[in-house]
Protein backbone atom coordinates (compact mmCIF):
# COMPACT_ATOMS: atom_id res chain seq x y z
CA UNK A 1 89.71 47.12 67.59
CA UNK A 2 93.45 46.44 68.02
CA UNK A 3 95.83 48.63 66.01
CA UNK A 4 97.96 46.65 63.58
CA UNK A 5 101.64 47.57 63.12
CA UNK A 6 103.46 47.76 59.79
CA UNK A 7 107.19 48.15 59.32
CA UNK A 8 107.16 50.61 56.41
CA UNK A 9 105.16 52.33 53.68
CA UNK A 10 105.50 49.36 51.32
CA UNK A 11 103.60 47.19 53.77
CA UNK A 12 101.00 49.91 54.30
CA UNK A 13 100.35 50.14 50.59
CA UNK A 14 99.72 46.40 50.43
CA UNK A 15 97.20 46.23 53.26
CA UNK A 16 93.53 46.86 52.47
CA UNK A 17 91.69 48.50 55.31
CA UNK A 18 88.14 48.17 56.60
CA UNK A 19 85.73 50.55 58.27
CA UNK A 20 87.16 51.79 61.57
CA UNK A 21 90.57 50.15 61.04
CA UNK A 22 93.81 51.83 62.20
CA UNK A 23 97.43 51.00 61.53
CA UNK A 24 100.61 52.08 63.32
CA UNK A 25 103.47 52.85 60.92
CA UNK A 26 106.95 52.19 62.35
CA UNK A 27 109.01 53.89 59.61
CA UNK A 28 108.95 55.05 56.00
CA UNK A 29 111.54 52.64 54.64
CA UNK A 30 112.51 50.92 57.89
CA UNK A 31 111.60 51.11 61.54
CA UNK A 32 112.71 54.29 63.32
CA UNK A 33 113.80 56.24 60.21
CA UNK A 34 111.52 59.22 60.96
CA UNK A 35 108.61 58.29 58.71
CA UNK A 36 106.39 57.97 61.74
CA UNK A 37 107.85 60.90 63.66
CA UNK A 38 105.39 62.17 66.27
CA UNK A 39 102.42 60.79 64.30
CA UNK A 40 102.58 57.26 62.90
CA UNK A 41 98.94 56.26 63.26
CA UNK A 42 96.79 55.91 60.11
CA UNK A 43 93.06 55.32 59.80
CA UNK A 44 91.14 53.84 56.88
CA UNK A 45 88.69 56.14 55.09
CA UNK A 46 86.68 53.72 53.01
CA UNK A 47 85.11 56.27 50.59
CA UNK A 48 88.18 58.33 49.81
CA UNK A 49 89.56 58.60 46.28
CA UNK A 50 92.09 61.35 47.04
CA UNK A 51 95.47 61.30 45.36
CA UNK A 52 98.31 59.52 47.14
CA UNK A 53 100.60 62.35 48.32
CA UNK A 54 103.38 60.10 49.72
CA UNK A 55 103.13 61.61 53.19
CA UNK A 56 99.69 61.98 54.73
CA UNK A 57 97.50 60.01 52.28
CA UNK A 58 98.38 56.57 50.88
CA UNK A 59 96.52 54.45 48.32
CA UNK A 60 96.58 50.68 48.49
CA UNK A 61 98.00 48.91 45.44
CA UNK A 62 95.17 47.81 43.13
CA UNK A 63 92.45 49.53 45.21
CA UNK A 64 90.68 52.54 43.69
CA UNK A 65 88.43 53.52 46.60
CA UNK A 66 89.67 53.82 50.16
CA UNK A 67 92.79 55.46 51.55
CA UNK A 68 95.05 55.29 54.60
CA UNK A 69 95.18 58.79 56.20
CA UNK A 70 97.63 59.97 58.80
CA UNK A 71 96.27 61.35 62.08
CA UNK A 72 98.02 64.63 62.81
CA UNK A 73 97.51 68.29 63.61
CA UNK A 74 96.80 69.77 60.19
CA UNK A 75 99.08 72.76 60.64
CA UNK A 76 102.31 70.82 61.31
CA UNK A 77 104.06 68.22 59.14
CA UNK A 78 107.52 66.58 59.23
CA UNK A 79 109.79 66.44 56.20
CA UNK A 80 110.55 62.79 56.99
CA UNK A 81 106.84 61.84 56.60
CA UNK A 82 107.19 62.30 52.84
CA UNK A 83 110.11 59.93 52.41
CA UNK A 84 113.13 62.12 53.15
CA UNK A 85 116.43 60.34 53.73
CA UNK A 86 119.05 61.91 55.96
CA UNK A 87 122.66 62.30 54.93
CA UNK A 88 124.57 59.11 55.76
CA UNK A 89 127.71 59.56 53.68
CA UNK A 90 126.00 58.56 50.41
CA UNK A 91 124.12 61.85 49.78
CA UNK A 92 120.57 60.51 49.10
CA UNK A 93 118.72 63.12 47.03
CA UNK A 94 115.67 64.73 48.64
CA UNK A 95 114.71 67.10 45.81
CA UNK A 96 111.57 65.04 44.96
CA UNK A 97 110.64 65.06 48.65
CA UNK A 98 110.80 68.85 48.75
CA UNK A 99 108.54 68.95 45.68
CA UNK A 100 106.09 66.61 47.41
CA UNK A 101 105.98 68.84 50.49
CA UNK A 102 105.44 72.04 48.49
CA UNK A 103 102.68 70.31 46.47
CA UNK A 104 101.08 69.30 49.78
CA UNK A 105 101.18 72.94 50.93
CA UNK A 106 99.74 74.26 47.67
CA UNK A 107 96.89 71.73 47.85
CA UNK A 108 95.75 72.90 51.29
CA UNK A 109 92.74 75.18 51.44
CA UNK A 110 94.45 78.17 53.03
CA UNK A 111 98.08 77.31 53.86
CA UNK A 112 98.91 77.62 57.55
CA UNK A 113 101.50 74.83 57.37
CA UNK A 114 104.66 74.45 59.44
CA UNK A 115 107.25 72.03 57.98
CA UNK A 116 109.77 70.64 60.49
CA UNK A 117 113.22 69.28 59.55
CA UNK A 118 115.21 67.06 61.93
CA UNK A 119 118.59 66.13 60.54
CA UNK A 120 120.90 66.64 57.55
CA UNK A 121 119.44 66.49 54.01
CA UNK A 122 120.94 66.76 50.52
CA UNK A 123 119.16 68.33 47.53
CA UNK A 124 120.33 68.15 43.90
CA UNK A 125 119.88 70.97 41.33
CA UNK A 126 116.65 72.91 41.91
CA UNK A 127 114.64 71.70 38.90
CA UNK A 128 110.83 71.40 38.87
CA UNK A 129 110.19 72.94 42.30
CA UNK A 130 106.73 74.55 42.39
CA UNK A 131 106.20 78.15 43.45
CA UNK A 132 104.63 78.37 46.89
CA UNK A 133 101.24 80.03 46.47
CA UNK A 134 99.69 79.58 49.92
CA UNK A 135 100.16 81.96 52.88
CA UNK A 136 101.34 81.32 56.44
CA UNK A 137 104.05 78.76 55.63
CA UNK A 138 107.18 78.05 57.66
CA UNK A 139 110.19 75.76 57.23
CA UNK A 140 112.06 75.21 60.46
CA UNK A 141 114.78 73.01 61.92
CA UNK A 142 114.09 71.30 65.21
CA UNK A 143 115.24 73.83 67.82
CA UNK A 144 116.19 71.01 70.20
CA UNK A 145 118.88 69.72 67.76
CA UNK A 146 122.09 71.24 66.38
CA UNK A 147 122.33 69.12 63.21
CA UNK A 148 119.55 70.65 61.10
CA UNK A 149 121.34 71.02 57.75
CA UNK A 150 120.55 71.29 54.04
CA UNK A 151 123.30 70.60 51.48
CA UNK A 152 122.11 72.14 48.20
CA UNK A 153 123.43 72.39 44.68
CA UNK A 154 122.42 74.97 42.04
CA UNK A 155 119.22 76.97 41.70
CA UNK A 156 116.31 78.52 43.59
CA UNK A 157 114.81 76.20 46.17
CA UNK A 158 112.05 78.46 47.52
CA UNK A 159 109.93 80.85 45.42
CA UNK A 160 107.07 82.62 47.21
CA UNK A 161 104.17 84.19 45.29
CA UNK A 162 103.51 85.01 41.64
CA UNK A 163 101.37 87.33 39.50
CA UNK A 164 98.19 85.37 40.30
CA UNK A 165 98.84 84.71 44.01
CA UNK A 166 99.69 87.32 46.64
CA UNK A 167 100.93 85.52 49.74
CA UNK A 168 102.04 86.60 53.19
CA UNK A 169 103.69 85.33 56.36
CA UNK A 170 106.52 83.02 55.27
CA UNK A 171 109.55 81.98 57.31
CA UNK A 172 112.70 79.84 57.26
CA UNK A 173 114.33 79.27 60.66
CA UNK A 174 117.01 77.34 62.57
CA UNK A 175 118.71 75.63 59.60
CA UNK A 176 122.27 75.49 58.34
CA UNK A 177 122.27 75.82 54.54
CA UNK A 178 125.38 74.66 52.69
CA UNK A 179 125.45 75.68 49.02
CA UNK A 180 127.59 74.63 46.12
CA UNK A 181 128.58 78.02 44.78
CA UNK A 182 125.16 78.63 43.26
CA UNK A 183 124.79 81.94 41.44
CA UNK A 184 120.99 81.71 41.53
CA UNK A 185 119.09 83.23 44.45
CA UNK A 186 118.29 80.60 47.10
CA UNK A 187 114.95 82.36 47.80
CA UNK A 188 112.78 84.51 45.54
CA UNK A 189 109.85 86.60 46.68
CA UNK A 190 107.32 88.14 44.24
CA UNK A 191 103.97 89.67 45.14
CA UNK A 192 104.55 88.66 48.76
CA UNK A 193 104.92 90.20 52.18
CA UNK A 194 105.93 89.47 55.73
CA UNK A 195 108.97 87.18 55.28
CA UNK A 196 110.88 86.25 58.40
CA UNK A 197 114.12 84.37 58.90
CA UNK A 198 115.79 83.61 62.22
CA UNK A 199 118.72 81.46 63.23
CA UNK A 200 120.15 80.57 59.79
CA UNK A 201 123.74 79.76 58.96
CA UNK A 202 124.44 80.04 55.23
CA UNK A 203 127.57 78.86 53.34
CA UNK A 204 128.65 79.38 49.74
CA UNK A 205 125.51 80.79 48.16
CA UNK A 206 125.78 83.91 45.99
CA UNK A 207 122.41 85.55 46.59
CA UNK A 208 120.38 84.38 49.56
CA UNK A 209 117.25 86.45 48.80
CA UNK A 210 116.00 88.15 45.64
CA UNK A 211 112.92 90.18 46.58
CA UNK A 212 110.50 91.77 44.16
CA UNK A 213 110.21 92.19 40.43
CA UNK A 214 108.63 94.85 38.20
CA UNK A 215 104.92 94.75 38.96
CA UNK A 216 105.42 92.06 41.62
CA UNK A 217 106.76 93.85 44.68
CA UNK A 218 107.83 92.37 48.01
CA UNK A 219 107.26 93.98 51.40
CA UNK A 220 108.27 93.65 55.05
CA UNK A 221 111.33 91.43 55.14
CA UNK A 222 113.14 90.80 58.44
CA UNK A 223 116.35 88.78 58.83
CA UNK A 224 117.58 88.15 62.37
CA UNK A 225 120.38 86.17 63.99
CA UNK A 226 121.96 85.04 60.72
CA UNK A 227 125.53 83.84 60.06
CA UNK A 228 126.78 83.99 56.49
CA UNK A 229 129.96 82.59 54.85
CA UNK A 230 130.39 83.13 51.12
CA UNK A 231 132.95 82.16 48.44
CA UNK A 232 133.99 84.50 45.67
CA UNK A 233 130.77 84.27 43.58
CA UNK A 234 130.39 87.96 42.76
CA UNK A 235 126.70 88.26 43.65
CA UNK A 236 124.83 90.44 46.16
CA UNK A 237 123.67 88.54 49.20
CA UNK A 238 120.35 90.41 49.25
CA UNK A 239 118.94 91.88 46.06
CA UNK A 240 115.91 94.14 46.54
CA UNK A 241 113.78 95.27 43.61
CA UNK A 242 110.50 97.16 44.02
CA UNK A 243 109.29 96.90 47.56
CA UNK A 244 109.42 98.36 51.06
CA UNK A 245 110.50 97.46 54.56
CA UNK A 246 113.81 95.59 54.76
CA UNK A 247 115.37 94.94 58.18
CA UNK A 248 118.49 93.04 59.29
CA UNK A 249 119.47 92.58 62.93
CA UNK A 250 122.02 90.48 64.78
CA UNK A 251 124.01 89.24 61.81
CA UNK A 252 127.41 87.76 62.67
CA UNK A 253 130.49 85.90 61.41
CA UNK A 254 130.05 87.18 57.88
CA UNK A 255 133.04 86.27 55.69
CA UNK A 256 133.81 86.55 52.03
CA UNK A 257 136.46 83.91 51.34
CA UNK A 258 139.28 84.97 49.04
CA UNK A 259 142.78 84.16 50.19
CA UNK A 260 144.63 86.69 48.00
CA UNK A 261 142.32 89.66 48.58
CA UNK A 262 143.57 92.76 50.48
CA UNK A 263 141.95 93.45 53.81
CA UNK A 264 140.02 96.69 54.12
CA UNK A 265 139.33 97.78 57.65
CA UNK A 266 137.82 100.72 59.46
CA UNK A 267 141.06 102.69 59.29
CA UNK A 268 141.64 102.38 55.53
CA UNK A 269 138.41 102.06 53.57
CA UNK A 270 139.00 102.08 49.81
CA UNK A 271 136.41 103.75 47.59
CA UNK A 272 136.15 100.85 45.18
CA UNK A 273 133.13 98.79 44.19
CA UNK A 274 133.67 95.26 45.50
CA UNK A 275 133.00 92.17 43.45
CA UNK A 276 130.34 91.02 45.88
CA UNK A 277 127.98 93.53 47.41
CA UNK A 278 126.22 93.21 50.75
CA UNK A 279 122.95 94.62 49.39
CA UNK A 280 122.02 95.58 45.83
CA UNK A 281 118.99 97.84 45.89
CA UNK A 282 117.56 98.30 42.41
CA UNK A 283 114.20 99.99 42.56
CA UNK A 284 112.29 101.99 45.17
CA UNK A 285 112.58 100.68 48.70
CA UNK A 286 111.24 103.27 51.07
CA UNK A 287 112.44 101.75 54.35
CA UNK A 288 115.74 100.14 55.14
CA UNK A 289 117.09 99.44 58.60
CA UNK A 290 120.36 97.62 59.26
CA UNK A 291 121.92 96.94 62.60
CA UNK A 292 125.23 95.24 61.87
CA UNK A 293 128.83 96.18 62.32
CA UNK A 294 131.10 95.67 59.31
CA UNK A 295 134.71 95.43 60.42
CA UNK A 296 136.46 94.15 57.30
CA UNK A 297 135.72 94.38 53.62
CA UNK A 298 137.50 92.61 50.78
CA UNK A 299 135.32 92.09 47.76
CA UNK A 300 132.63 91.36 50.28
CA UNK A 301 132.04 91.80 53.99
CA UNK A 302 133.05 90.28 57.28
CA UNK A 303 130.71 91.04 60.15
CA UNK A 304 132.24 90.11 63.45
CA UNK A 305 129.73 91.62 65.89
CA UNK A 306 126.37 93.23 65.94
CA UNK A 307 125.88 96.89 66.64
CA UNK A 308 125.63 99.36 63.75
CA UNK A 309 126.43 99.50 60.07
CA UNK A 310 129.92 100.62 59.10
CA UNK A 311 129.57 100.60 55.35
CA UNK A 312 126.44 100.37 53.23
CA UNK A 313 126.28 100.63 49.43
CA UNK A 314 123.26 101.28 47.20
CA UNK A 315 123.57 101.07 43.41
CA UNK A 316 121.29 102.37 40.64
CA UNK A 317 118.52 103.36 42.99
CA UNK A 318 115.96 106.12 43.05
CA UNK A 319 114.40 107.20 46.32
CA UNK A 320 111.52 109.66 46.13
CA UNK A 321 112.14 110.39 49.81
CA UNK A 322 114.11 109.00 52.68
CA UNK A 323 112.35 108.08 55.86
CA UNK A 324 114.12 108.81 59.10
CA UNK A 325 115.07 105.16 59.64
CA UNK A 326 116.00 104.33 56.06
CA UNK A 327 119.65 103.92 57.01
CA UNK A 328 120.39 103.72 60.71
CA UNK A 329 124.06 104.65 61.03
CA UNK A 330 126.14 105.55 64.04
CA UNK A 331 129.53 104.55 62.64
CA UNK A 332 131.76 107.00 60.74
CA UNK A 333 133.26 106.58 57.25
CA UNK A 334 129.99 105.69 55.54
CA UNK A 335 130.45 105.23 51.81
CA UNK A 336 127.32 105.46 49.66
CA UNK A 337 127.26 105.04 45.90
């Protein structure tokens, strides 16, 4: 049977299938817009009554039984499949698309989903985004491109785990995240373990990660190859509460932007609490390992290269014991509070 081609999702939703029928989708809204990226072939499942999820399952208008289903490897989906629109100067909002994707993840049997982003996307205030409750989930920019960007507004865009759902193995990789001065954590982790992040560039977000709450700890967090630029928001970049195992390696180009601030360098370090802390540890974290060189500090930090920590501050923390690698320091003038 010859495969029929349709230009967009609107056409797909108006075409009733038959047993054994397949359709090739050319785009979500228009041909070539990414809606058919890597997998644009759909088959008709005549007995299905599954909900239309706007990405991998589509109902036909006026038809209660029968669905068009996308053929794809179940562990990999593309953000564009769910109707995402890339930044084109008009800032189309993709918040609802992110909600669709997280709902898709949460409706899988056991997680194991990799979400791929290819391009520049805008998201409005983080309202109504579900908590991710399935394990083995990753969000990654296409490593073959250099324009994987998210422009975000205010709020928490990713929340992993809750009191009823312990999850593990989450990651966010190879994406440039541009905030709007948000004072809410970009990511929250509760009752979760094994978070990984590699190859991120982050602008103008107060707290990137808030890990753990009373009774809902977070464990085993590793951040590698991250660049961070922050405005004067007055929030810790990482806030750790009740957990264990926090590691940072290869962090670079870390700047707190404040034109009138004095520069503190490794020859005149002032014993004053800055307005923005690198890490705020509030609870009992029994392993900490940082491998970053802080060369300048002015109400924040500027990391220009990657060897060893120069200054590390811990506030309001109780440690029952310190493991050998809790703070890995080879630079002088360490200030601890």
